[in-house]
């Protein structure tokens, strides 16, 4: 999987699902597929996840997935430490 942040490229998420070329087994993420990770400490994360869940609902998506996303957004809101998103300084 291809993260937007270089510091997330090294095993921040588990990609052990078997991969075949540019496709993956059910549930697998191809190594070249862009992904975006949000953490509860990110002050913008809960609202972003909530928007995504509501958008899935608008598109007619799985309501169980919508509920799970909204519950995750609530859990993110409850996380006690918040900060403005940042990135590590560039390597010299």
Protein backbone atom coordinates (compact mmCIF):
# COMPACT_ATOMS: atom_id res chain seq x y z
CA UNK A 1 0.00 0.00 0.00
CA UNK A 2 1.20 3.46 -0.85
CA UNK A 3 0.86 6.08 1.90
CA UNK A 4 0.92 9.80 1.25
CA UNK A 5 3.52 10.22 4.00
CA UNK A 6 6.96 8.67 3.64
CA UNK A 7 7.22 8.00 7.40
CA UNK A 8 4.08 5.81 7.19
CA UNK A 9 5.51 3.58 4.45
CA UNK A 10 7.27 1.19 6.80
CA UNK A 11 4.77 -1.19 8.38
CA UNK A 12 2.33 1.32 9.85
CA UNK A 13 -0.40 -1.00 8.54
CA UNK A 14 -0.26 -4.73 8.04
CA UNK A 15 0.03 -5.67 4.36
CA UNK A 16 0.69 -9.40 4.83
CA UNK A 17 -2.29 -10.39 2.68
CA UNK A 18 -1.00 -12.24 -0.35
CA UNK A 19 -0.51 -10.09 -3.43
CA UNK A 20 -0.43 -11.17 -7.05
CA UNK A 21 0.96 -8.50 -9.35
CA UNK A 22 -1.24 -5.44 -9.09
CA UNK A 23 -4.23 -7.30 -7.66
CA UNK A 24 -4.84 -8.74 -4.26
CA UNK A 25 -6.70 -11.53 -2.57
CA UNK A 26 -10.07 -10.49 -1.12
CA UNK A 27 -9.40 -7.89 1.56
CA UNK A 28 -5.83 -7.36 0.47
CA UNK A 29 -4.38 -3.97 -0.44
CA UNK A 30 -2.11 -3.89 -3.49
CA UNK A 31 1.32 -2.48 -2.76
CA UNK A 32 0.84 0.37 -5.26
CA UNK A 33 -2.66 1.38 -4.08
CA UNK A 34 -2.70 4.81 -2.40
CA UNK A 35 -4.07 4.83 1.14
CA UNK A 36 -4.55 7.58 3.74
CA UNK A 37 -4.24 6.99 7.48
CA UNK A 38 -5.96 9.15 10.11
CA UNK A 39 -5.14 9.00 13.82
CA UNK A 40 -7.40 9.99 16.73
CA UNK A 41 -4.86 12.58 17.87
CA UNK A 42 -5.36 14.43 14.57
CA UNK A 43 -7.80 17.27 15.36
CA UNK A 44 -9.38 16.90 11.90
CA UNK A 45 -9.71 13.09 11.89
CA UNK A 46 -13.10 12.50 13.53
CA UNK A 47 -14.88 15.01 11.30
CA UNK A 48 -13.21 13.49 8.24
CA UNK A 49 -14.26 9.94 9.18
CA UNK A 50 -17.77 11.18 9.96
CA UNK A 51 -17.97 12.84 6.53
CA UNK A 52 -16.78 9.61 4.88
CA UNK A 53 -19.40 7.54 6.71
CA UNK A 54 -22.18 9.91 5.73
CA UNK A 55 -20.96 9.95 2.13
CA UNK A 56 -21.03 6.14 2.02
CA UNK A 57 -24.64 6.31 3.24
CA UNK A 58 -25.51 8.85 0.49
CA UNK A 59 -23.99 6.50 -2.08
CA UNK A 60 -26.16 3.63 -0.88
CA UNK A 61 -23.32 1.77 0.81
CA UNK A 62 -23.44 -0.86 3.52
CA UNK A 63 -25.18 0.61 6.58
CA UNK A 64 -23.13 -1.58 8.94
CA UNK A 65 -20.01 0.06 7.51
CA UNK A 66 -21.57 3.50 8.00
CA UNK A 67 -22.39 2.73 11.64
CA UNK A 68 -18.86 1.41 12.23
CA UNK A 69 -17.34 4.56 10.73
CA UNK A 70 -19.53 6.86 12.83
CA UNK A 71 -18.70 4.88 15.98
CA UNK A 72 -15.01 5.16 15.14
CA UNK A 73 -15.42 8.93 14.67
CA UNK A 74 -17.04 9.14 18.12
CA UNK A 75 -14.15 7.15 19.61
CA UNK A 76 -11.71 9.51 17.90
CA UNK A 77 -13.55 12.51 19.39
CA UNK A 78 -13.19 10.92 22.84
CA UNK A 79 -9.41 10.49 22.44
CA UNK A 80 -7.88 12.82 25.06
CA UNK A 81 -4.85 14.11 23.14
CA UNK A 82 -5.38 16.28 20.08
CA UNK A 83 -2.98 18.20 17.88
CA UNK A 84 -2.86 19.91 14.53
CA UNK A 85 -1.55 17.44 11.94
CA UNK A 86 2.13 17.73 11.14
CA UNK A 87 4.83 15.90 9.27
CA UNK A 88 8.38 15.03 10.25
CA UNK A 89 11.08 17.40 9.01
CA UNK A 90 12.66 16.43 5.69
CA UNK A 91 15.75 14.29 5.95
CA UNK A 92 18.96 16.10 5.13
